[in-house]
Amino acid sequence: EASEADKSVQELILAVSALTTKMWLYFEDAALKPMRRHGITLDLDLNPYFFDDVKQLGEAGMLEKAVDGLDAFCTNEALPAFRAVKKLDLTPLCATGDSPSMKSSVYDEINQRVSEVKGLITQAKSWMDPFKGQPSITKADVDEYVKQGEIEGLRAIIGVYQKSRFYQYLQGWKKDGEYLELIAMLKTHMNTLDEELKTWKAELAKLKELIVVAATAREDAEKSLKEAQEAKGLSEEAQAKLAKGVAALHEERARAETDLANLLAKLDAASKALEAAKEALQKSFVVGTTGSSELETMIKETRLNPSGYQRKSLQDAMAALESS
């Protein structure tokens, strides 16, 4: 039977799941769509867009000519002119190094920058993967986690939001997280409370049946005593004993009615205590998702021990009636 607590839990799960979906869509609009508009997708192959050997570019030939031209100018024209100046050393202006060294240095830097750019694009397109940062996770794994109670959409936002404070809360909704453990505890206790209520109601029904049987037996006994009292030929001593017996039955019936009223009051109090415990569990769950230790404490405190009533008193009363 579905309880209010289960209903609240399911509504909370749907709310958190909707939130994680919106968190992913927010990232989608802010970061992923702009990249897609520029052709950056998860399966983008960068190799066709970059040369394996940057020296094969046409611009590389022009660069080499410029380097050779600068080297020739410094060697053949600038340096001789600089050396003619006796009071000022201008030769550092042509300290470019030899042409092959200049070319090698330029090519090395270009290759390094190309590698870095490709790395940045690769890193950027990796954000298209909803399970970024979880290399061992597959879609099948995530589907299985959801079946085990994990919030749907949670795994998709881990890579994006894992450094946020709010993510610390969301971690509790993972398949092995503390909130799923608390939900399991909640359901276990709710089921136990329901079973206790069913058992008590069944025992109360049995008790009422025994009370009716006992009351009928007392009435029959009282009737028999009265008939015996009215019989002729009884001695005064016998009459006194019968009168005493009738009075005792009256007192016993009065005590039984009082005991029954008290017992029913205790049963009613116990039933209300259990219902209150269920309500406390239900309400405490929402509080507990932002303070799970408080929820766990409240669940433990609502174990089946309602004040003012012990099951033994009911069992004793039933045993007494059965033997009467």
Protein backbone atom coordinates (compact mmCIF):
# COMPACT_ATOMS: atom_id res chain seq x y z
CA GLU A 1 0.00 0.00 0.00
CA ALA A 2 1.36 3.37 -1.02
CA SER A 3 2.00 5.64 1.95
CA GLU A 4 2.18 9.40 2.07
CA ALA A 5 5.89 9.10 2.77
CA ASP A 6 6.46 7.12 -0.42
CA LYS A 7 4.46 9.71 -2.31
CA SER A 8 6.60 12.53 -0.90
CA VAL A 9 9.78 10.64 -1.75
CA GLN A 10 8.67 10.07 -5.33
CA GLU A 11 7.69 13.72 -5.73
CA LEU A 12 11.06 14.81 -4.36
CA ILE A 13 12.89 12.44 -6.73
CA LEU A 14 10.96 13.88 -9.68
CA ALA A 15 11.78 17.42 -8.54
CA VAL A 16 15.51 16.72 -8.21
CA SER A 17 15.52 14.86 -11.54
CA ALA A 18 13.83 17.82 -13.22
CA LEU A 19 16.44 20.10 -11.66
CA THR A 20 19.37 18.04 -12.97
CA THR A 21 17.81 18.06 -16.44
CA LYS A 22 17.50 21.85 -16.34
CA MET A 23 21.09 22.14 -15.13
CA TRP A 24 22.26 20.17 -18.16
CA LEU A 25 20.07 22.20 -20.56
CA TYR A 26 21.50 25.40 -19.07
CA PHE A 27 25.04 24.20 -19.85
CA GLU A 28 23.84 23.03 -23.26
CA ASP A 29 22.58 26.49 -24.20
CA ALA A 30 25.51 28.36 -22.65
CA ALA A 31 28.43 26.29 -23.96
CA LEU A 32 27.52 23.44 -26.28
CA LYS A 33 25.21 25.09 -28.80
CA PRO A 34 27.73 27.87 -29.61
CA MET A 35 30.38 25.22 -30.30
CA ARG A 36 28.03 23.27 -32.55
CA ARG A 37 27.31 26.40 -34.53
CA HIS A 38 31.04 26.49 -35.29
CA GLY A 39 31.16 22.84 -36.29
CA ILE A 40 32.62 21.50 -33.05
CA THR A 41 30.96 18.20 -32.17
CA LEU A 42 31.94 15.22 -30.03
CA ASP A 43 32.88 13.11 -33.06
CA LEU A 44 34.75 15.92 -34.84
CA ASP A 45 37.95 14.64 -36.50
CA LEU A 46 40.60 17.36 -36.35
CA ASN A 47 43.12 15.68 -38.64
CA PRO A 48 41.62 16.95 -41.91
CA TYR A 49 41.86 20.51 -40.61
CA PHE A 50 45.54 20.47 -39.62
CA PHE A 51 48.70 19.65 -41.59
CA ASP A 52 50.82 16.83 -40.29
CA ASP A 53 53.92 18.74 -41.44
CA VAL A 54 53.55 22.50 -41.07
CA LYS A 55 56.55 23.00 -43.34
CA GLN A 56 54.37 21.89 -46.25
CA LEU A 57 52.21 25.00 -45.95
CA GLY A 58 52.67 27.65 -48.62
CA GLU A 59 53.18 30.23 -45.89
CA ALA A 60 56.15 28.19 -44.68
CA GLY A 61 57.95 28.80 -47.98
CA MET A 62 57.31 32.52 -47.74
CA LEU A 63 58.52 32.50 -44.14
CA GLU A 64 61.73 30.73 -45.12
CA LYS A 65 62.37 33.32 -47.82
CA ALA A 66 61.82 36.10 -45.30
CA VAL A 67 64.21 34.47 -42.82
CA ASP A 68 66.84 33.97 -45.53
CA GLY A 69 66.35 37.55 -46.68
CA LEU A 70 66.79 38.91 -43.14
CA ASP A 71 69.90 36.79 -42.63
CA ALA A 72 71.37 37.95 -45.95
CA PHE A 73 70.59 41.59 -45.24
CA CYS A 74 72.24 41.47 -41.80
CA THR A 75 75.26 39.57 -43.10
CA ASN A 76 75.86 41.55 -46.27
CA GLU A 77 74.63 45.04 -45.46
CA ALA A 78 73.61 45.82 -41.90
CA LEU A 79 76.49 44.29 -39.95
CA PRO A 80 79.24 45.92 -42.09
CA ALA A 81 77.54 49.27 -41.59
CA PHE A 82 77.12 48.69 -37.83
CA ARG A 83 80.76 47.74 -37.41
CA ALA A 84 81.83 51.01 -39.02
CA VAL A 85 80.39 52.86 -36.05
CA LYS A 86 83.27 52.94 -33.53
CA LYS A 87 81.63 54.45 -30.43
CA LEU A 88 78.39 52.43 -30.45
CA ASP A 89 77.87 48.67 -30.86
CA LEU A 90 74.85 48.16 -33.09
CA THR A 91 75.57 44.55 -33.96
CA PRO A 92 73.00 43.17 -31.45
CA LEU A 93 70.34 44.47 -33.80
CA CYS A 94 71.25 41.60 -36.09
CA ALA A 95 71.75 38.94 -33.41
CA THR A 96 69.14 36.73 -35.05
CA GLY A 97 71.29 33.65 -35.23
CA ASP A 98 71.95 31.75 -38.38
CA SER A 99 69.17 31.08 -40.85
CA PRO A 100 68.76 27.32 -40.14
CA SER A 101 68.49 27.98 -36.38
CA MET A 102 65.87 30.67 -36.93
CA LYS A 103 63.80 28.38 -39.16
CA SER A 104 64.04 25.46 -36.73
CA SER A 105 62.99 27.66 -33.82
CA VAL A 106 59.97 28.99 -35.71
CA TYR A 107 58.86 25.52 -36.82
CA ASP A 108 59.18 24.17 -33.28
CA GLU A 109 56.99 26.93 -31.88
CA ILE A 110 54.39 26.55 -34.62
CA ASN A 111 54.19 22.81 -34.00
CA GLN A 112 53.83 23.47 -30.28
CA ARG A 113 51.04 26.01 -30.82
CA VAL A 114 49.22 23.72 -33.25
CA SER A 115 49.40 20.92 -30.71
CA GLU A 116 48.03 23.22 -28.02
CA VAL A 117 45.20 24.47 -30.23
CA LYS A 118 44.23 20.91 -31.16
CA GLY A 119 44.34 20.00 -27.48
CA LEU A 120 42.07 22.91 -26.57
CA ILE A 121 39.57 21.97 -29.28
CA THR A 122 39.69 18.34 -28.18
CA GLN A 123 39.09 19.43 -24.60
CA ALA A 124 36.25 21.70 -25.70
CA LYS A 125 34.50 19.01 -27.72
CA SER A 126 34.90 16.55 -24.84
CA TRP A 127 32.24 18.59 -23.01
CA MET A 128 29.76 17.21 -25.51
CA ASP A 129 30.09 13.89 -23.69
CA PRO A 130 27.39 13.84 -20.99
CA PHE A 131 29.53 11.47 -18.93
CA LYS A 132 32.71 13.56 -19.08
CA GLY A 133 35.07 12.77 -16.24
CA GLN A 134 33.60 9.29 -15.82
CA PRO A 135 35.58 7.24 -18.34
CA SER A 136 34.33 3.87 -17.12
CA ILE A 137 30.63 4.83 -17.26
CA THR A 138 28.40 3.75 -20.14
CA LYS A 139 24.80 4.57 -20.99
CA ALA A 140 23.85 1.02 -19.97
CA ASP A 141 25.54 1.58 -16.59
CA VAL A 142 23.61 4.79 -16.04
CA ASP A 143 20.31 3.13 -16.97
CA GLU A 144 21.04 0.42 -14.41
CA TYR A 145 21.90 3.02 -11.75
CA VAL A 146 18.55 4.73 -12.37
CA LYS A 147 16.78 1.38 -11.91
CA GLN A 148 18.54 1.13 -8.55
CA GLY A 149 17.08 4.49 -7.52
CA GLU A 150 19.68 6.98 -8.71
CA ILE A 151 18.33 10.34 -9.85
CA GLU A 152 17.87 10.39 -13.62
CA GLY A 153 20.12 12.95 -15.30
CA LEU A 154 22.55 13.13 -12.38
CA ARG A 155 25.49 11.54 -14.20
CA ALA A 156 25.18 14.02 -17.07
CA ILE A 157 26.02 17.02 -14.90
CA ILE A 158 28.84 15.63 -12.78
CA GLY A 159 31.59 16.88 -15.07
CA VAL A 160 30.07 20.35 -15.30
CA TYR A 161 29.08 21.01 -11.71
CA GLN A 162 31.35 18.78 -9.61
CA LYS A 163 33.19 21.78 -8.13
CA SER A 164 30.02 23.58 -7.06
CA ARG A 165 28.75 23.52 -3.49
CA PHE A 166 25.34 22.33 -4.67
CA TYR A 167 26.94 19.24 -6.19
CA GLN A 168 27.81 18.08 -2.68
CA TYR A 169 24.07 17.75 -2.08
CA LEU A 170 23.47 15.99 -5.38
CA GLN A 171 26.10 13.35 -4.59
CA GLY A 172 23.72 11.97 -1.97
CA TRP A 173 21.43 10.88 -4.81
CA LYS A 174 23.97 8.55 -6.44
CA LYS A 175 23.18 4.84 -6.42
CA ASP A 176 25.32 4.32 -3.32
CA GLY A 177 24.55 7.76 -1.87
CA GLU A 178 23.30 8.47 1.61
CA TYR A 179 19.86 9.67 0.49
CA LEU A 180 19.00 6.40 -1.23
CA GLU A 181 20.07 4.59 1.92
CA LEU A 182 17.79 6.86 3.94
CA ILE A 183 14.91 6.21 1.56
CA ALA A 184 15.44 2.47 2.04
CA MET A 185 15.45 3.00 5.82
CA LEU A 186 12.31 5.08 5.54
CA LYS A 187 10.46 2.43 3.55
CA THR A 188 11.57 -0.33 5.91
CA HIS A 189 10.28 1.55 8.93
CA MET A 190 7.08 2.56 7.19
CA ASN A 191 6.41 -1.07 6.28
CA THR A 192 7.14 -2.12 9.85
CA LEU A 193 4.74 0.50 11.19
CA ASP A 194 2.02 -0.66 8.81
CA GLU A 195 2.51 -4.29 9.83
CA GLU A 196 2.33 -3.34 13.50
CA LEU A 197 -0.92 -1.47 12.95
CA LYS A 198 -2.43 -4.42 11.08
CA THR A 199 -1.38 -6.81 13.85
CA TRP A 200 -2.78 -4.59 16.58
CA LYS A 201 -6.08 -4.19 14.79
CA ALA A 202 -6.36 -7.96 14.35
CA GLU A 203 -5.59 -8.53 18.03
CA LEU A 204 -8.08 -5.87 19.05
CA ALA A 205 -10.77 -7.57 16.97
CA LYS A 206 -9.95 -10.88 18.66
CA LEU A 207 -10.03 -9.21 22.06
CA LYS A 208 -13.45 -7.76 21.39
CA GLU A 209 -14.73 -11.21 20.43
CA LEU A 210 -13.37 -12.65 23.68
CA ILE A 211 -14.95 -9.80 25.62
CA VAL A 212 -18.34 -10.57 24.09
CA VAL A 213 -17.95 -14.26 24.96
CA ALA A 214 -16.86 -13.44 28.52
CA ALA A 215 -19.70 -10.94 28.98
CA THR A 216 -22.23 -13.50 27.76
CA ALA A 217 -20.83 -16.08 30.14
CA ARG A 218 -21.07 -13.65 33.06
CA GLU A 219 -24.63 -12.73 32.14
CA ASP A 220 -25.57 -16.41 31.98
CA ALA A 221 -23.92 -17.03 35.35
CA GLU A 222 -25.66 -14.03 36.86
CA LYS A 223 -28.99 -15.18 35.47
CA SER A 224 -28.47 -18.66 36.90
CA LEU A 225 -27.62 -17.21 40.30
CA LYS A 226 -30.70 -15.03 40.29
CA GLU A 227 -32.87 -17.98 39.35
CA ALA A 228 -31.33 -19.98 42.16
CA GLN A 229 -31.92 -17.06 44.52
CA GLU A 230 -35.58 -17.01 43.62
CA ALA A 231 -35.98 -20.73 44.11
CA LYS A 232 -38.03 -21.75 47.14
CA GLY A 233 -36.72 -23.75 50.03
CA LEU A 234 -33.23 -22.21 50.18
CA SER A 235 -31.75 -21.60 53.55
CA GLU A 236 -30.76 -18.13 54.64
CA GLU A 237 -27.12 -19.16 54.43
CA ALA A 238 -27.57 -20.32 50.82
CA GLN A 239 -29.46 -17.15 49.99
CA ALA A 240 -26.62 -15.09 51.43
CA LYS A 241 -24.02 -16.97 49.40
CA LEU A 242 -26.02 -16.52 46.22
CA ALA A 243 -26.47 -12.82 46.92
CA LYS A 244 -22.75 -12.54 47.50
CA GLY A 245 -22.09 -14.33 44.20
CA VAL A 246 -24.41 -12.00 42.29
CA ALA A 247 -22.70 -8.98 43.84
CA ALA A 248 -19.29 -10.39 42.92
CA LEU A 249 -20.41 -10.86 39.32
CA HIS A 250 -21.66 -7.25 39.24
CA GLU A 251 -18.29 -6.05 40.52
CA GLU A 252 -16.42 -8.27 38.06
CA ARG A 253 -18.48 -6.92 35.17
CA ALA A 254 -17.85 -3.34 36.30
CA ARG A 255 -14.11 -4.01 36.55
CA ALA A 256 -14.11 -5.71 33.14
CA GLU A 257 -15.90 -2.76 31.57
CA THR A 258 -13.43 -0.35 33.18
CA ASP A 259 -10.46 -2.47 32.12
CA LEU A 260 -11.85 -2.66 28.60
CA ALA A 261 -12.31 1.10 28.43
CA ASN A 262 -8.75 1.63 29.69
CA LEU A 263 -7.33 -0.92 27.27
CA LEU A 264 -9.20 0.55 24.33
CA ALA A 265 -7.89 3.98 25.30
CA LYS A 266 -4.34 2.62 25.37
CA LEU A 267 -4.82 0.93 22.03
CA ASP A 268 -6.17 4.15 20.57
CA ALA A 269 -3.18 6.05 21.98
CA ALA A 270 -0.80 3.46 20.58
CA SER A 271 -2.42 3.63 17.17
CA LYS A 272 -2.19 7.42 17.19
CA ALA A 273 1.43 7.20 18.28
CA LEU A 274 2.23 4.97 15.32
CA GLU A 275 0.40 7.24 12.93
CA ALA A 276 2.33 10.18 14.38
CA ALA A 277 5.56 8.25 13.92
CA LYS A 278 4.71 7.65 10.27
CA GLU A 279 3.92 11.32 9.80
CA ALA A 280 7.16 12.29 11.51
CA LEU A 281 9.10 10.02 9.17
CA GLN A 282 7.35 11.52 6.19
CA LYS A 283 7.96 15.12 7.21
CA SER A 284 11.49 14.52 8.39
CA PHE A 285 12.53 13.11 5.01
CA VAL A 286 12.29 16.48 3.27
CA VAL A 287 14.21 18.08 6.11
CA GLY A 288 16.71 15.26 6.09
CA THR A 289 17.78 15.72 2.47
CA THR A 290 19.46 18.95 3.53
CA GLY A 291 20.57 17.51 6.83
CA SER A 292 20.69 13.76 6.47
CA SER A 293 22.00 13.09 9.95
CA GLU A 294 18.87 14.69 11.42
CA LEU A 295 16.67 12.47 9.27
CA GLU A 296 18.54 9.35 10.28
CA THR A 297 18.16 10.26 13.95
CA MET A 298 14.43 10.88 13.57
CA ILE A 299 13.94 7.56 11.80
CA LYS A 300 15.74 5.72 14.57
CA GLU A 301 13.69 7.54 17.21
CA THR A 302 10.42 6.40 15.64
CA ARG A 303 11.01 2.72 16.29
CA LEU A 304 7.98 0.81 17.53
CA ASN A 305 7.78 1.74 21.19
CA PRO A 306 4.78 4.08 21.59
CA SER A 307 4.54 5.58 25.06
CA GLY A 308 1.85 4.44 27.50
CA TYR A 309 1.38 1.06 25.89
CA GLN A 310 3.22 -2.23 25.70
CA ARG A 311 1.97 -5.12 23.61
CA LYS A 312 2.32 -7.43 26.59
CA SER A 313 -0.62 -5.69 28.28
CA LEU A 314 -2.86 -6.58 25.36
CA GLN A 315 -1.63 -10.16 25.25
CA ASP A 316 -2.11 -10.52 29.02
CA ALA A 317 -5.66 -9.19 28.80
CA MET A 318 -6.50 -11.64 26.04
CA ALA A 319 -4.99 -14.53 27.98
CA ALA A 320 -7.02 -13.60 31.05
CA LEU A 321 -10.25 -13.48 29.06
CA GLU A 322 -9.52 -16.81 27.38
CA SER A 323 -9.02 -18.46 30.76
CA SER A 324 -12.08 -16.86 32.38
